[in-house]
């Protein structure tokens, strides 16, 4: 009988997708700043 590990928490699959989505979000923020000329804080009215 195999011991099954839970499918949540810190595991390689979740960390891989977290990293990929973080890279996509960072790239989107850089593109947005380049296109608009304003950073995200400025767009939100925080600066």
PDB file of N, CA and C in Angstrom:
ATOM      1  N   UNK A   1       0.842  -1.189   0.000  1.00  0.00           N
ATOM      2  CA  UNK A   1       0.000   0.000   0.000  1.00  0.00           C
ATOM      3  C   UNK A   1       0.882   1.246   0.000  1.00  0.00           C
ATOM      4  N   UNK A   2       0.575   2.172  -0.868  1.00  0.00           N
ATOM      5  CA  UNK A   2       1.348   3.400  -0.979  1.00  0.00           C
ATOM      6  C   UNK A   2       0.874   4.437   0.018  1.00  0.00           C
ATOM      7  N   UNK A   3       1.836   5.182   0.559  1.00  0.00           N
ATOM      8  CA  UNK A   3       1.481   6.330   1.395  1.00  0.00           C
ATOM      9  C   UNK A   3       1.308   7.527   0.474  1.00  0.00           C
ATOM     10  N   UNK A   4       0.116   8.096   0.434  1.00  0.00           N
ATOM     11  CA  UNK A   4      -0.149   9.251  -0.427  1.00  0.00           C
ATOM     12  C   UNK A   4       0.095  10.518   0.375  1.00  0.00           C
ATOM     13  N   UNK A   5       0.773  11.455  -0.279  1.00  0.00           N
ATOM     14  CA  UNK A   5       1.011  12.744   0.352  1.00  0.00           C
ATOM     15  C   UNK A   5      -0.141  13.676  -0.006  1.00  0.00           C
ATOM     16  N   UNK A   6      -0.417  14.664   0.838  1.00  0.00           N
ATOM     17  CA  UNK A   6      -1.502  15.609   0.521  1.00  0.00           C
ATOM     18  C   UNK A   6      -1.169  16.435  -0.716  1.00  0.00           C
ATOM     19  N   UNK A   7      -2.193  16.886  -1.417  1.00  0.00           N
ATOM     20  CA  UNK A   7      -2.025  17.668  -2.631  1.00  0.00           C
ATOM     21  C   UNK A   7      -2.048  19.162  -2.371  1.00  0.00           C
ATOM     22  N   UNK A   8      -1.715  19.577  -1.186  1.00  0.00           N
ATOM     23  CA  UNK A   8      -1.688  20.993  -0.855  1.00  0.00           C
ATOM     24  C   UNK A   8      -0.440  21.285  -0.041  1.00  0.00           C
ATOM     25  N   UNK A   9      -0.150  22.582   0.110  1.00  0.00           N
ATOM     26  CA  UNK A   9       1.027  22.977   0.875  1.00  0.00           C
ATOM     27  C   UNK A   9       2.240  23.151  -0.018  1.00  0.00           C
ATOM     28  N   UNK A  10       3.396  23.125   0.589  1.00  0.00           N
ATOM     29  CA  UNK A  10       4.649  23.327  -0.142  1.00  0.00           C
ATOM     30  C   UNK A  10       5.092  22.019  -0.768  1.00  0.00           C
ATOM     31  N   UNK A  11       4.813  21.874  -2.046  1.00  0.00           N
ATOM     32  CA  UNK A  11       5.293  20.713  -2.775  1.00  0.00           C
ATOM     33  C   UNK A  11       5.845  21.197  -4.114  1.00  0.00           C
ATOM     34  N   UNK A  12       6.637  20.392  -4.789  1.00  0.00           N
ATOM     35  CA  UNK A  12       7.279  20.857  -6.031  1.00  0.00           C
ATOM     36  C   UNK A  12       6.288  21.331  -7.093  1.00  0.00           C
ATOM     37  N   UNK A  13       5.169  20.676  -7.242  1.00  0.00           N
ATOM     38  CA  UNK A  13       4.187  21.084  -8.252  1.00  0.00           C
ATOM     39  C   UNK A  13       3.647  22.469  -7.956  1.00  0.00           C
ATOM     40  N   UNK A  14       3.245  22.706  -6.717  1.00  0.00           N
ATOM     41  CA  UNK A  14       2.688  24.008  -6.337  1.00  0.00           C
ATOM     42  C   UNK A  14       3.740  25.102  -6.445  1.00  0.00           C
ATOM     43  N   UNK A  15       4.951  24.816  -6.031  1.00  0.00           N
ATOM     44  CA  UNK A  15       6.004  25.828  -6.084  1.00  0.00           C
ATOM     45  C   UNK A  15       6.398  26.162  -7.519  1.00  0.00           C
ATOM     46  N   UNK A  16       6.367  25.184  -8.413  1.00  0.00           N
ATOM     47  CA  UNK A  16       6.663  25.438  -9.820  1.00  0.00           C
ATOM     48  C   UNK A  16       5.636  26.390 -10.406  1.00  0.00           C
ATOM     49  N   UNK A  17       4.354  26.119 -10.167  1.00  0.00           N
ATOM     50  CA  UNK A  17       3.308  26.989 -10.712  1.00  0.00           C
ATOM     51  C   UNK A  17       3.314  28.362 -10.056  1.00  0.00           C
ATOM     52  N   UNK A  18       3.624  28.417  -8.777  1.00  0.00           N
ATOM     53  CA  UNK A  18       3.709  29.711  -8.096  1.00  0.00           C
ATOM     54  C   UNK A  18       4.810  30.560  -8.730  1.00  0.00           C
ATOM     55  N   UNK A  19       5.944  29.959  -9.005  1.00  0.00           N
ATOM     56  CA  UNK A  19       7.043  30.680  -9.639  1.00  0.00           C
ATOM     57  C   UNK A  19       6.696  31.140 -11.037  1.00  0.00           C
ATOM     58  N   UNK A  20       6.045  30.280 -11.812  1.00  0.00           N
ATOM     59  CA  UNK A  20       5.665  30.642 -13.180  1.00  0.00           C
ATOM     60  C   UNK A  20       4.688  31.813 -13.185  1.00  0.00           C
ATOM     61  N   UNK A  21       3.686  31.746 -12.329  1.00  0.00           N
ATOM     62  CA  UNK A  21       2.695  32.824 -12.279  1.00  0.00           C
ATOM     63  C   UNK A  21       3.307  34.124 -11.768  1.00  0.00           C
ATOM     64  N   UNK A  22       4.259  34.026 -10.845  1.00  0.00           N
ATOM     65  CA  UNK A  22       4.944  35.226 -10.357  1.00  0.00           C
ATOM     66  C   UNK A  22       5.750  35.873 -11.480  1.00  0.00           C
ATOM     67  N   UNK A  23       6.412  35.060 -12.299  1.00  0.00           N
ATOM     68  CA  UNK A  23       7.187  35.611 -13.422  1.00  0.00           C
ATOM     69  C   UNK A  23       6.277  36.282 -14.445  1.00  0.00           C
ATOM     70  N   UNK A  24       5.120  35.679 -14.710  1.00  0.00           N
ATOM     71  CA  UNK A  24       4.163  36.278 -15.645  1.00  0.00           C
ATOM     72  C   UNK A  24       3.650  37.609 -15.096  1.00  0.00           C
ATOM     73  N   UNK A  25       3.325  37.639 -13.813  1.00  0.00           N
ATOM     74  CA  UNK A  25       2.839  38.874 -13.187  1.00  0.00           C
ATOM     75  C   UNK A  25       3.882  39.970 -13.192  1.00  0.00           C
ATOM     76  N   UNK A  26       5.126  39.614 -12.937  1.00  0.00           N
ATOM     77  CA  UNK A  26       6.195  40.608 -12.937  1.00  0.00           C
ATOM     78  C   UNK A  26       6.413  41.159 -14.338  1.00  0.00           C
ATOM     79  N   UNK A  27       6.407  40.286 -15.332  1.00  0.00           N
ATOM     80  CA  UNK A  27       6.568  40.727 -16.717  1.00  0.00           C
ATOM     81  C   UNK A  27       5.401  41.631 -17.126  1.00  0.00           C
ATOM     82  N   UNK A  28       4.186  41.283 -16.723  1.00  0.00           N
ATOM     83  CA  UNK A  28       3.018  42.100 -17.046  1.00  0.00           C
ATOM     84  C   UNK A  28       3.133  43.474 -16.392  1.00  0.00           C
ATOM     85  N   UNK A  29       3.637  43.528 -15.169  1.00  0.00           N
ATOM     86  CA  UNK A  29       3.804  44.812 -14.490  1.00  0.00           C
ATOM     87  C   UNK A  29       4.840  45.674 -15.202  1.00  0.00           C
ATOM     88  N   UNK A  30       5.937  45.067 -15.664  1.00  0.00           N
ATOM     89  CA  UNK A  30       6.953  45.821 -16.392  1.00  0.00           C
ATOM     90  C   UNK A  30       6.412  46.348 -17.714  1.00  0.00           C
ATOM     91  N   UNK A  31       5.666  45.530 -18.440  1.00  0.00           N
ATOM     92  CA  UNK A  31       5.078  45.958 -19.712  1.00  0.00           C
ATOM     93  C   UNK A  31       4.083  47.081 -19.481  1.00  0.00           C
ATOM     94  N   UNK A  32       3.265  46.937 -18.447  1.00  0.00           N
ATOM     95  CA  UNK A  32       2.277  47.961 -18.115  1.00  0.00           C
ATOM     96  C   UNK A  32       2.957  49.286 -17.782  1.00  0.00           C
ATOM     97  N   UNK A  33       4.045  49.224 -17.030  1.00  0.00           N
ATOM     98  CA  UNK A  33       4.760  50.449 -16.680  1.00  0.00           C
ATOM     99  C   UNK A  33       5.397  51.075 -17.919  1.00  0.00           C
ATOM    100  N   UNK A  34       5.914  50.272 -18.807  1.00  0.00           N
ATOM    101  CA  UNK A  34       6.527  50.785 -20.038  1.00  0.00           C
ATOM    102  C   UNK A  34       5.480  51.449 -20.933  1.00  0.00           C
ATOM    103  N   UNK A  35       4.306  50.823 -21.067  1.00  0.00           N
ATOM    104  CA  UNK A  35       3.267  51.337 -21.959  1.00  0.00           C
ATOM    105  C   UNK A  35       2.654  52.624 -21.408  1.00  0.00           C
ATOM    106  N   UNK A  36       2.367  52.650 -20.112  1.00  0.00           N
ATOM    107  CA  UNK A  36       1.671  53.803 -19.540  1.00  0.00           C
ATOM    108  C   UNK A  36       2.613  54.910 -19.080  1.00  0.00           C
ATOM    109  N   UNK A  37       3.843  54.558 -18.763  1.00  0.00           N
ATOM    110  CA  UNK A  37       4.782  55.552 -18.241  1.00  0.00           C
ATOM    111  C   UNK A  37       4.626  55.798 -16.758  1.00  0.00           C
ATOM    112  N   UNK A  38       3.755  55.060 -16.111  1.00  0.00           N
ATOM    113  CA  UNK A  38       3.535  55.204 -14.663  1.00  0.00           C
ATOM    114  C   UNK A  38       3.649  53.836 -14.013  1.00  0.00           C
ATOM    115  N   UNK A  39       4.214  53.827 -12.804  1.00  0.00           N
ATOM    116  CA  UNK A  39       4.312  52.586 -12.055  1.00  0.00           C
ATOM    117  C   UNK A  39       2.976  52.183 -11.479  1.00  0.00           C
ATOM    118  N   UNK A  40       2.923  50.983 -10.949  1.00  0.00           N
ATOM    119  CA  UNK A  40       1.661  50.440 -10.416  1.00  0.00           C
ATOM    120  C   UNK A  40       1.163  51.260  -9.221  1.00  0.00           C
ATOM    121  N   UNK A  41       2.071  51.734  -8.385  1.00  0.00           N
ATOM    122  CA  UNK A  41       1.642  52.533  -7.228  1.00  0.00           C
ATOM    123  C   UNK A  41       1.038  53.858  -7.662  1.00  0.00           C
ATOM    124  N   UNK A  42       1.619  54.434  -8.684  1.00  0.00           N
ATOM    125  CA  UNK A  42       1.077  55.685  -9.218  1.00  0.00           C
ATOM    126  C   UNK A  42      -0.298  55.467  -9.857  1.00  0.00           C
ATOM    127  N   UNK A  43      -0.479  54.359 -10.538  1.00  0.00           N
ATOM    128  CA  UNK A  43      -1.760  54.063 -11.161  1.00  0.00           C
ATOM    129  C   UNK A  43      -2.841  53.824 -10.112  1.00  0.00           C
ATOM    130  N   UNK A  44      -2.448  53.284  -8.992  1.00  0.00           N
ATOM    131  CA  UNK A  44      -3.418  53.032  -7.920  1.00  0.00           C
ATOM    132  C   UNK A  44      -3.663  54.277  -7.059  1.00  0.00           C
ATOM    133  N   UNK A  45      -2.923  55.358  -7.310  1.00  0.00           N
ATOM    134  CA  UNK A  45      -3.097  56.587  -6.552  1.00  0.00           C
ATOM    135  C   UNK A  45      -2.409  56.571  -5.207  1.00  0.00           C
ATOM    136  N   UNK A  46      -1.418  55.703  -5.051  1.00  0.00           N
ATOM    137  CA  UNK A  46      -0.723  55.615  -3.772  1.00  0.00           C
ATOM    138  C   UNK A  46       0.548  56.463  -3.732  1.00  0.00           C
ATOM    139  N   UNK A  47       0.925  57.011  -4.882  1.00  0.00           N
ATOM    140  CA  UNK A  47       2.112  57.890  -4.914  1.00  0.00           C
ATOM    141  C   UNK A  47       1.784  59.116  -5.720  1.00  0.00           C
TER     142      UNK A  47
END
